[in-house]
C-alpha atoms as a PDB file:
ATOM      1  CA  UNK A   1      -6.225  65.349  34.245  1.00  0.00           C
ATOM      2  CA  UNK A   2      -4.912  62.426  32.166  1.00  0.00           C
ATOM      3  CA  UNK A   3      -7.919  61.832  29.948  1.00  0.00           C
ATOM      4  CA  UNK A   4      -7.583  59.937  26.660  1.00  0.00           C
ATOM      5  CA  UNK A   5      -9.755  62.581  24.985  1.00  0.00           C
ATOM      6  CA  UNK A   6      -7.399  65.391  25.968  1.00  0.00           C
ATOM      7  CA  UNK A   7      -7.219  67.758  22.993  1.00  0.00           C
ATOM      8  CA  UNK A   8      -4.375  69.911  24.310  1.00  0.00           C
ATOM      9  CA  UNK A   9      -0.945  69.681  22.748  1.00  0.00           C
ATOM     10  CA  UNK A  10       1.430  67.407  24.591  1.00  0.00           C
ATOM     11  CA  UNK A  11       4.342  69.185  26.290  1.00  0.00           C
ATOM     12  CA  UNK A  12       7.752  69.305  24.636  1.00  0.00           C
ATOM     13  CA  UNK A  13      10.129  66.512  25.552  1.00  0.00           C
ATOM     14  CA  UNK A  14      12.849  67.935  27.818  1.00  0.00           C
ATOM     15  CA  UNK A  15      16.500  67.463  26.957  1.00  0.00           C
ATOM     16  CA  UNK A  16      17.106  64.624  29.390  1.00  0.00           C
ATOM     17  CA  UNK A  17      18.637  61.239  28.737  1.00  0.00           C
ATOM     18  CA  UNK A  18      16.285  59.172  30.927  1.00  0.00           C
ATOM     19  CA  UNK A  19      12.745  59.680  32.176  1.00  0.00           C
ATOM     20  CA  UNK A  20      10.889  58.028  35.045  1.00  0.00           C
ATOM     21  CA  UNK A  21       7.499  56.437  34.494  1.00  0.00           C
ATOM     22  CA  UNK A  22       5.873  59.411  36.241  1.00  0.00           C
ATOM     23  CA  UNK A  23       7.572  61.889  33.925  1.00  0.00           C
ATOM     24  CA  UNK A  24       6.596  59.874  30.844  1.00  0.00           C
ATOM     25  CA  UNK A  25       3.058  59.674  32.172  1.00  0.00           C
ATOM     26  CA  UNK A  26       2.866  63.477  32.275  1.00  0.00           C
ATOM     27  CA  UNK A  27       4.663  63.973  28.937  1.00  0.00           C
ATOM     28  CA  UNK A  28       2.312  61.592  27.120  1.00  0.00           C
ATOM     29  CA  UNK A  29      -0.916  62.189  29.096  1.00  0.00           C
ATOM     30  CA  UNK A  30      -1.205  58.472  29.910  1.00  0.00           C
ATOM     31  CA  UNK A  31      -1.413  56.933  33.375  1.00  0.00           C
ATOM     32  CA  UNK A  32       1.502  54.802  34.623  1.00  0.00           C
ATOM     33  CA  UNK A  33      -0.516  51.565  34.744  1.00  0.00           C
ATOM     34  CA  UNK A  34      -1.374  52.064  31.062  1.00  0.00           C
ATOM     35  CA  UNK A  35       2.338  52.420  30.234  1.00  0.00           C
ATOM     36  CA  UNK A  36       3.102  49.166  32.041  1.00  0.00           C
ATOM     37  CA  UNK A  37       0.292  47.441  30.128  1.00  0.00           C
ATOM     38  CA  UNK A  38       1.550  48.793  26.811  1.00  0.00           C
ATOM     39  CA  UNK A  39       5.003  47.354  27.573  1.00  0.00           C
ATOM     40  CA  UNK A  40       3.382  43.913  27.539  1.00  0.00           C
ATOM     41  CA  UNK A  41       1.423  44.566  24.346  1.00  0.00           C
ATOM     42  CA  UNK A  42       4.035  46.359  22.212  1.00  0.00           C
ATOM     43  CA  UNK A  43       7.370  44.541  21.902  1.00  0.00           C
ATOM     44  CA  UNK A  44       9.029  47.721  20.577  1.00  0.00           C
ATOM     45  CA  UNK A  45       8.483  49.410  23.939  1.00  0.00           C
ATOM     46  CA  UNK A  46      11.235  48.187  26.252  1.00  0.00           C
ATOM     47  CA  UNK A  47      12.406  50.717  28.859  1.00  0.00           C
ATOM     48  CA  UNK A  48      15.617  50.032  30.748  1.00  0.00           C
ATOM     49  CA  UNK A  49      15.088  48.589  34.211  1.00  0.00           C
ATOM     50  CA  UNK A  50      17.452  49.408  37.036  1.00  0.00           C
ATOM     51  CA  UNK A  51      17.684  48.642  40.734  1.00  0.00           C
ATOM     52  CA  UNK A  52      14.349  47.979  42.368  1.00  0.00           C
ATOM     53  CA  UNK A  53      12.887  47.141  38.941  1.00  0.00           C
ATOM     54  CA  UNK A  54      12.427  50.862  38.204  1.00  0.00           C
ATOM     55  CA  UNK A  55      11.741  51.782  34.609  1.00  0.00           C
ATOM     56  CA  UNK A  56      13.819  54.386  32.813  1.00  0.00           C
ATOM     57  CA  UNK A  57      12.544  55.515  29.438  1.00  0.00           C
ATOM     58  CA  UNK A  58      14.677  57.148  26.769  1.00  0.00           C
ATOM     59  CA  UNK A  59      13.593  59.825  24.307  1.00  0.00           C
ATOM     60  CA  UNK A  60      12.772  57.298  21.564  1.00  0.00           C
ATOM     61  CA  UNK A  61      10.535  55.440  24.041  1.00  0.00           C
ATOM     62  CA  UNK A  62       8.619  58.657  24.762  1.00  0.00           C
ATOM     63  CA  UNK A  63       8.179  59.269  21.027  1.00  0.00           C
ATOM     64  CA  UNK A  64       6.962  55.696  20.539  1.00  0.00           C
ATOM     65  CA  UNK A  65       4.495  56.052  23.422  1.00  0.00           C
ATOM     66  CA  UNK A  66       3.140  59.220  21.848  1.00  0.00           C
ATOM     67  CA  UNK A  67       2.690  57.344  18.568  1.00  0.00           C
ATOM     68  CA  UNK A  68       0.888  54.497  20.346  1.00  0.00           C
ATOM     69  CA  UNK A  69      -1.294  57.008  22.188  1.00  0.00           C
ATOM     70  CA  UNK A  70      -2.185  58.701  18.911  1.00  0.00           C
ATOM     71  CA  UNK A  71      -3.071  55.401  17.245  1.00  0.00           C
ATOM     72  CA  UNK A  72      -5.260  54.265  20.135  1.00  0.00           C
ATOM     73  CA  UNK A  73      -6.873  57.460  21.405  1.00  0.00           C
ATOM     74  CA  UNK A  74      -6.979  59.751  18.389  1.00  0.00           C
ATOM     75  CA  UNK A  75      -7.126  57.415  15.379  1.00  0.00           C
ATOM     76  CA  UNK A  76      -9.326  54.768  17.032  1.00  0.00           C
ATOM     77  CA  UNK A  77      -7.130  51.692  16.532  1.00  0.00           C
ATOM     78  CA  UNK A  78      -7.456  48.648  18.766  1.00  0.00           C
ATOM     79  CA  UNK A  79      -4.387  47.327  20.588  1.00  0.00           C
ATOM     80  CA  UNK A  80      -3.881  44.606  17.966  1.00  0.00           C
ATOM     81  CA  UNK A  81      -4.484  47.062  15.133  1.00  0.00           C
ATOM     82  CA  UNK A  82      -1.978  49.513  16.574  1.00  0.00           C
ATOM     83  CA  UNK A  83       0.532  46.686  17.044  1.00  0.00           C
ATOM     84  CA  UNK A  84       0.121  45.663  13.398  1.00  0.00           C
ATOM     85  CA  UNK A  85       0.381  49.268  12.259  1.00  0.00           C
ATOM     86  CA  UNK A  86       3.596  49.787  14.208  1.00  0.00           C
ATOM     87  CA  UNK A  87       5.194  46.565  12.977  1.00  0.00           C
ATOM     88  CA  UNK A  88       4.075  47.160   9.375  1.00  0.00           C
ATOM     89  CA  UNK A  89       5.431  50.675   9.218  1.00  0.00           C
ATOM     90  CA  UNK A  90       8.723  50.114  10.990  1.00  0.00           C
ATOM     91  CA  UNK A  91      10.821  51.666   8.230  1.00  0.00           C
ATOM     92  CA  UNK A  92       8.728  54.792   7.912  1.00  0.00           C
ATOM     93  CA  UNK A  93       8.374  55.211  11.656  1.00  0.00           C
ATOM     94  CA  UNK A  94      12.108  54.817  12.166  1.00  0.00           C
ATOM     95  CA  UNK A  95      12.575  57.642   9.686  1.00  0.00           C
ATOM     96  CA  UNK A  96       9.934  59.751  11.446  1.00  0.00           C
ATOM     97  CA  UNK A  97      11.481  59.077  14.858  1.00  0.00           C
ATOM     98  CA  UNK A  98      14.939  59.875  13.565  1.00  0.00           C
ATOM     99  CA  UNK A  99      13.735  63.137  12.048  1.00  0.00           C
ATOM    100  CA  UNK A 100      12.030  64.083  15.302  1.00  0.00           C
ATOM    101  CA  UNK A 101      15.170  63.240  17.290  1.00  0.00           C
ATOM    102  CA  UNK A 102      17.305  65.328  14.936  1.00  0.00           C
ATOM    103  CA  UNK A 103      14.935  68.304  15.290  1.00  0.00           C
ATOM    104  CA  UNK A 104      14.965  67.990  19.071  1.00  0.00           C
ATOM    105  CA  UNK A 105      18.766  67.701  19.209  1.00  0.00           C
ATOM    106  CA  UNK A 106      19.164  70.702  16.928  1.00  0.00           C
ATOM    107  CA  UNK A 107      16.878  72.747  19.158  1.00  0.00           C
ATOM    108  CA  UNK A 108      18.871  71.712  22.232  1.00  0.00           C
ATOM    109  CA  UNK A 109      22.171  72.584  20.531  1.00  0.00           C
ATOM    110  CA  UNK A 110      20.824  75.992  19.526  1.00  0.00           C
ATOM    111  CA  UNK A 111      19.811  76.600  23.158  1.00  0.00           C
ATOM    112  CA  UNK A 112      23.312  75.621  24.339  1.00  0.00           C
ATOM    113  CA  UNK A 113      24.843  77.922  21.740  1.00  0.00           C
ATOM    114  CA  UNK A 114      22.649  80.793  22.906  1.00  0.00           C
ATOM    115  CA  UNK A 115      23.756  80.176  26.498  1.00  0.00           C
ATOM    116  CA  UNK A 116      27.422  80.087  25.474  1.00  0.00           C
ATOM    117  CA  UNK A 117      27.130  83.371  23.575  1.00  0.00           C
ATOM    118  CA  UNK A 118      25.902  85.191  26.682  1.00  0.00           C
END
């Protein structure tokens, strides 16, 4: 089910503030142990940890994980190559992430507006 060669589109990111590791695993088509490994390899990926050492990812973390997944599984980068690519393109990626967040927020606001009109 969670194959790196999965060609299907990833599901849309729901309008939640925090996501569990299981939810992120499904949203990004990556197994939980891979997410924990990536946390060690990519310093940009730092989910909040709460009681019981549980990880809580935010929307920008999910977007970053999808970028890492794309670099590794689709574009064929190694871990070190992906790390260099992410650190070298910080400015551009921040802009891309911001644009994606703005699009997602706009979509959510339009859905709220549609609900309020009813």
